Amino acid sequence: MRVEATNQSLKFLEKIEDKLKERIRLKIRKLALAIDNDGIIPFKELSIKKLDGSWKGYYRMIVGKVRIIFIYDKEQNVLFIYEIDFRGNIY
């Protein structure tokens, strides 16, 4: 599986402290491995929720005060990280 991210997401990761950055990377890695190995998104285990409204089709994952918005394309086997930011800034 490929994991891709927007420039905004990568810039956010550059700005935050290393400890939080590593927690985010580990959670994304766990998500990618779970999808690869089991073929499913582990909602409860990784605090993931489907989004509604204008975000329909996207998912939200929580890492402390940070939210990660992503979408998974089964056909191309790509996990696309759309946005990463603090809770109050993301929606």
Protein backbone atom coordinates (compact mmCIF):
# COMPACT_ATOMS: atom_id res chain seq x y z
CA MET A 1 0.00 0.00 0.00
CA ARG A 2 1.12 3.51 -0.81
CA VAL A 3 0.66 6.33 1.68
CA GLU A 4 0.46 9.82 0.20
CA ALA A 5 -0.03 13.18 1.91
CA THR A 6 -0.78 16.75 0.95
CA ASN A 7 1.86 19.45 1.29
CA GLN A 8 -0.19 21.02 4.10
CA SER A 9 -0.01 17.78 6.07
CA LEU A 10 3.73 17.50 5.62
CA LYS A 11 4.26 21.14 6.63
CA PHE A 12 2.25 20.57 9.82
CA LEU A 13 4.46 17.59 10.69
CA GLU A 14 7.58 19.71 10.17
CA LYS A 15 6.37 22.32 12.68
CA ILE A 16 5.43 20.09 15.62
CA GLU A 17 7.65 18.51 18.27
CA ASP A 18 9.37 15.22 17.49
CA LYS A 19 7.50 13.21 20.13
CA LEU A 20 4.08 14.08 18.70
CA LYS A 21 5.34 13.67 15.14
CA GLU A 22 6.45 10.12 15.94
CA ARG A 23 3.07 9.28 17.56
CA ILE A 24 1.30 10.43 14.40
CA ARG A 25 3.60 8.46 12.13
CA LEU A 26 3.15 5.31 14.22
CA LYS A 27 -0.65 5.62 14.13
CA ILE A 28 -0.63 6.10 10.33
CA ARG A 29 1.69 3.11 9.98
CA LYS A 30 -0.64 0.98 12.16
CA LEU A 31 -3.58 2.01 9.99
CA ALA A 32 -1.77 1.12 6.76
CA LEU A 33 -0.68 -2.27 8.14
CA ALA A 34 -4.18 -3.09 9.39
CA ILE A 35 -5.68 -2.32 6.00
CA ASP A 36 -2.97 -4.32 4.21
CA ASN A 37 -3.16 -7.34 6.51
CA ASP A 38 -6.86 -7.51 7.36
CA GLY A 39 -8.45 -5.49 4.56
CA ILE A 40 -10.45 -3.39 7.03
CA ILE A 41 -10.15 -0.05 8.78
CA PRO A 42 -9.84 -0.68 12.57
CA PHE A 43 -12.30 1.99 13.75
CA LYS A 44 -12.33 1.40 17.51
CA GLU A 45 -8.68 0.42 17.91
CA LEU A 46 -7.35 3.61 16.26
CA SER A 47 -10.13 6.11 17.17
CA ILE A 48 -11.39 6.42 13.60
CA LYS A 49 -14.76 7.79 12.56
CA LYS A 50 -16.49 8.26 9.19
CA LEU A 51 -17.20 11.91 8.45
CA ASP A 52 -20.48 13.38 7.19
CA GLY A 53 -21.63 16.44 5.27
CA SER A 54 -19.02 18.07 3.04
CA TRP A 55 -16.45 15.54 4.33
CA LYS A 56 -18.52 12.50 3.26
CA GLY A 57 -16.23 9.66 2.16
CA TYR A 58 -13.38 10.79 4.43
CA TYR A 59 -12.34 9.45 7.81
CA ARG A 60 -11.00 11.15 10.94
CA MET A 61 -8.35 9.64 13.22
CA ILE A 62 -7.43 11.09 16.63
CA VAL A 63 -3.89 11.34 18.01
CA GLY A 64 -4.14 13.35 21.25
CA LYS A 65 -5.21 16.88 20.27
CA VAL A 66 -4.38 16.27 16.61
CA ARG A 67 -6.87 15.16 13.97
CA ILE A 68 -5.90 13.34 10.78
CA ILE A 69 -8.33 13.46 7.85
CA PHE A 70 -7.77 10.69 5.31
CA ILE A 71 -9.38 8.69 2.56
CA TYR A 72 -8.63 5.15 1.41
CA ASP A 73 -8.84 4.20 -2.26
CA LYS A 74 -9.32 0.42 -2.46
CA GLU A 75 -8.90 0.21 -6.22
CA GLN A 76 -5.49 1.89 -6.27
CA ASN A 77 -4.56 0.69 -2.75
CA VAL A 78 -3.64 4.20 -1.62
CA LEU A 79 -4.08 5.76 1.81
CA PHE A 80 -4.25 9.50 1.18
CA ILE A 81 -3.66 11.82 4.15
CA TYR A 82 -5.68 14.90 3.28
CA GLU A 83 -5.11 17.07 6.34
CA ILE A 84 -3.38 16.98 9.74
CA ASP A 85 -3.96 19.74 12.29
CA PHE A 86 -5.02 20.47 15.84
CA ARG A 87 -8.64 19.77 16.74
CA GLY A 88 -9.93 23.36 16.63
CA ASN A 89 -8.30 24.17 13.29
CA ILE A 90 -9.22 21.22 11.12
CA TYR A 91 -12.95 21.21 10.42
